[in-house]
Amino acid sequence: MAQSINFDDGFKSYEINGDPQRVIRIDTADYGLIERLRNAEKNINAEMYKYENIKIKSDGSADVDDETAADGIRDLGGFICEQFDYIFNADVAKTLFGNASPLSTRNGVPLFERVFNAIVPIIENDIKSEQKKAEARIKKYEAEAARFKNSL
């Protein structure tokens, strides 16, 4: 049996809309998260541009009885789910969206955008907090290095 190595990996658990059955674990202080978020946003916008002529119902389905449109909506929804998994470096899309299309709208705002709007402030706060902690740690070592240099 393998031994376990335990350390704080930085991951935090979040219930989705207060549902204990829908929990995601993400490292909100992962500096790579911001880059992946920006890349995914560009990727999603580019992919959505390909489907700009397809009318989408509020439930995220195609507005026309066109098989091509339905396939496009399905493919676009799948792509958006893949991008969310990419952003968080984990399988989070199923937990975030359930069986709903990430294109489903409420008050004209797609589900995936509402999720972005809820998660981004959390990420920003955690990264700012981590930066402050890192700065304090760096200052401590800079002071120790200065004391060592002065003692020579």
Protein backbone atom coordinates (compact mmCIF):
# COMPACT_ATOMS: atom_id res chain seq x y z
CA MET A 1 0.00 0.00 0.00
CA ALA A 2 1.33 3.42 -0.94
CA GLN A 3 1.98 6.03 1.69
CA SER A 4 0.13 9.31 1.52
CA ILE A 5 1.78 12.70 1.14
CA ASN A 6 -0.42 15.36 2.66
CA PHE A 7 -0.13 19.10 2.16
CA ASP A 8 -2.37 22.10 1.54
CA ASP A 9 -3.03 21.89 -2.20
CA GLY A 10 -4.95 25.16 -2.20
CA PHE A 11 -8.23 23.65 -3.35
CA LYS A 12 -11.47 24.97 -1.91
CA SER A 13 -14.87 23.33 -2.07
CA TYR A 14 -17.91 25.27 -3.22
CA GLU A 15 -21.53 24.18 -3.15
CA ILE A 16 -23.43 25.24 -6.24
CA ASN A 17 -26.49 27.29 -5.25
CA GLY A 18 -26.38 25.81 -1.74
CA ASP A 19 -26.84 22.24 -2.98
CA PRO A 20 -24.58 19.85 -1.00
CA GLN A 21 -24.91 17.30 -3.83
CA ARG A 22 -23.33 19.78 -6.28
CA VAL A 23 -19.83 20.57 -5.04
CA ILE A 24 -16.81 21.64 -7.06
CA ARG A 25 -13.23 21.80 -5.84
CA ILE A 26 -11.09 24.49 -7.40
CA ASP A 27 -7.80 26.17 -6.61
CA THR A 28 -8.96 29.77 -6.89
CA ALA A 29 -5.49 31.08 -6.08
CA ASP A 30 -3.89 29.21 -9.02
CA TYR A 31 -2.26 31.99 -11.04
CA GLY A 32 -2.70 29.87 -14.20
CA LEU A 33 -6.45 30.03 -13.65
CA ILE A 34 -6.62 33.64 -14.85
CA GLU A 35 -4.80 32.80 -18.07
CA ARG A 36 -7.02 29.78 -18.69
CA LEU A 37 -10.09 31.90 -17.95
CA ARG A 38 -9.02 34.54 -20.49
CA ASN A 39 -8.19 31.88 -23.09
CA ALA A 40 -11.51 30.14 -22.56
CA GLU A 41 -13.42 33.40 -22.85
CA LYS A 42 -11.72 34.08 -26.21
CA ASN A 43 -12.33 30.49 -27.33
CA ILE A 44 -16.01 30.61 -26.38
CA ASN A 45 -16.54 33.95 -28.12
CA ALA A 46 -14.85 32.65 -31.28
CA GLU A 47 -16.91 29.47 -31.22
CA MET A 48 -20.14 31.39 -30.62
CA TYR A 49 -19.36 33.58 -33.63
CA LYS A 50 -19.53 30.45 -35.81
CA TYR A 51 -23.12 29.92 -34.67
CA GLU A 52 -24.30 33.54 -34.65
CA ASN A 53 -27.10 32.88 -37.16
CA ILE A 54 -28.71 30.16 -35.07
CA LYS A 55 -31.64 31.34 -32.98
CA ILE A 56 -31.53 29.98 -29.44
CA LYS A 57 -34.57 29.50 -27.20
CA SER A 58 -34.36 30.47 -23.53
CA ASP A 59 -33.90 26.80 -22.63
CA GLY A 60 -30.74 26.67 -24.75
CA SER A 61 -32.23 24.67 -27.61
CA ALA A 62 -32.40 25.64 -31.28
CA ASP A 63 -35.25 27.96 -32.22
CA VAL A 64 -35.84 26.22 -35.54
CA ASP A 65 -36.69 22.65 -36.45
CA ASP A 66 -33.42 22.39 -38.33
CA GLU A 67 -31.22 19.41 -37.57
CA THR A 68 -28.10 21.41 -38.41
CA ALA A 69 -29.12 24.13 -35.95
CA ALA A 70 -29.84 21.54 -33.24
CA ASP A 71 -26.46 19.91 -33.87
CA GLY A 72 -24.79 23.32 -33.71
CA ILE A 73 -26.41 24.14 -30.37
CA ARG A 74 -25.43 20.74 -28.97
CA ASP A 75 -21.86 21.12 -30.22
CA LEU A 76 -21.56 24.67 -28.90
CA GLY A 77 -22.90 23.61 -25.49
CA GLY A 78 -20.42 20.74 -25.39
CA PHE A 79 -17.60 23.09 -26.34
CA ILE A 80 -18.53 25.51 -23.54
CA CYS A 81 -18.56 22.62 -21.05
CA GLU A 82 -15.09 21.56 -22.26
CA GLN A 83 -13.84 25.12 -21.75
CA PHE A 84 -15.12 25.20 -18.16
CA ASP A 85 -13.31 21.93 -17.46
CA TYR A 86 -10.18 23.47 -19.03
CA ILE A 87 -10.43 26.65 -16.94
CA PHE A 88 -10.60 24.77 -13.64
CA ASN A 89 -8.39 21.88 -14.69
CA ALA A 90 -11.09 19.50 -13.47
CA ASP A 91 -14.42 18.00 -14.49
CA VAL A 92 -16.68 20.78 -13.20
CA ALA A 93 -19.11 21.38 -16.08
CA LYS A 94 -21.51 18.56 -15.17
CA THR A 95 -21.67 19.80 -11.59
CA LEU A 96 -22.09 23.43 -12.63
CA PHE A 97 -24.66 22.94 -15.37
CA GLY A 98 -26.22 19.57 -14.55
CA ASN A 99 -28.26 18.45 -17.55
CA ALA A 100 -29.10 22.02 -18.55
CA SER A 101 -27.59 23.58 -21.64
CA PRO A 102 -24.95 26.16 -20.70
CA LEU A 103 -26.70 28.34 -23.30
CA SER A 104 -29.98 28.39 -21.34
CA THR A 105 -30.93 31.97 -20.51
CA ARG A 106 -32.51 33.72 -17.56
CA ASN A 107 -33.32 37.39 -18.08
CA GLY A 108 -31.42 37.14 -21.36
CA VAL A 109 -28.14 35.99 -19.78
CA PRO A 110 -26.80 32.51 -20.69
CA LEU A 111 -26.18 30.08 -17.85
CA PHE A 112 -22.45 29.86 -18.54
CA GLU A 113 -22.17 33.66 -18.29
CA ARG A 114 -24.06 33.67 -14.98
CA VAL A 115 -21.60 31.08 -13.66
CA PHE A 116 -18.67 33.25 -14.83
CA ASN A 117 -20.22 36.25 -13.08
CA ALA A 118 -20.50 34.29 -9.82
CA ILE A 119 -17.04 32.69 -9.89
CA VAL A 120 -14.79 35.51 -11.15
CA PRO A 121 -15.15 37.71 -8.02
CA ILE A 122 -14.27 34.72 -5.82
CA ILE A 123 -11.16 34.04 -7.90
CA GLU A 124 -10.13 37.70 -7.87
CA ASN A 125 -10.49 37.93 -4.06
CA ASP A 126 -8.55 34.72 -3.46
CA ILE A 127 -5.72 35.74 -5.78
CA LYS A 128 -5.47 39.17 -4.12
CA SER A 129 -5.37 37.49 -0.72
CA GLU A 130 -2.64 35.09 -1.84
CA GLN A 131 -0.62 37.96 -3.35
CA LYS A 132 -0.71 39.81 -0.01
CA LYS A 133 0.44 36.68 1.83
CA ALA A 134 3.23 36.13 -0.71
CA GLU A 135 4.35 39.76 -0.44
CA ALA A 136 4.52 39.50 3.36
CA ARG A 137 6.58 36.33 3.07
CA ILE A 138 8.94 37.92 0.53
CA LYS A 139 9.41 40.99 2.76
CA LYS A 140 10.29 38.70 5.65
CA TYR A 141 13.01 36.98 3.63
CA GLU A 142 14.28 40.28 2.22
CA ALA A 143 14.66 41.58 5.79
CA GLU A 144 16.51 38.43 6.83
CA ALA A 145 18.80 38.71 3.80
CA ALA A 146 19.51 42.37 4.62
CA ARG A 147 20.35 41.47 8.24
CA PHE A 148 22.66 38.70 7.05
CA LYS A 149 24.37 41.05 4.57
CA ASN A 150 24.84 43.71 7.26
CA SER A 151 26.39 41.19 9.64
CA LEU A 152 29.18 40.41 7.17
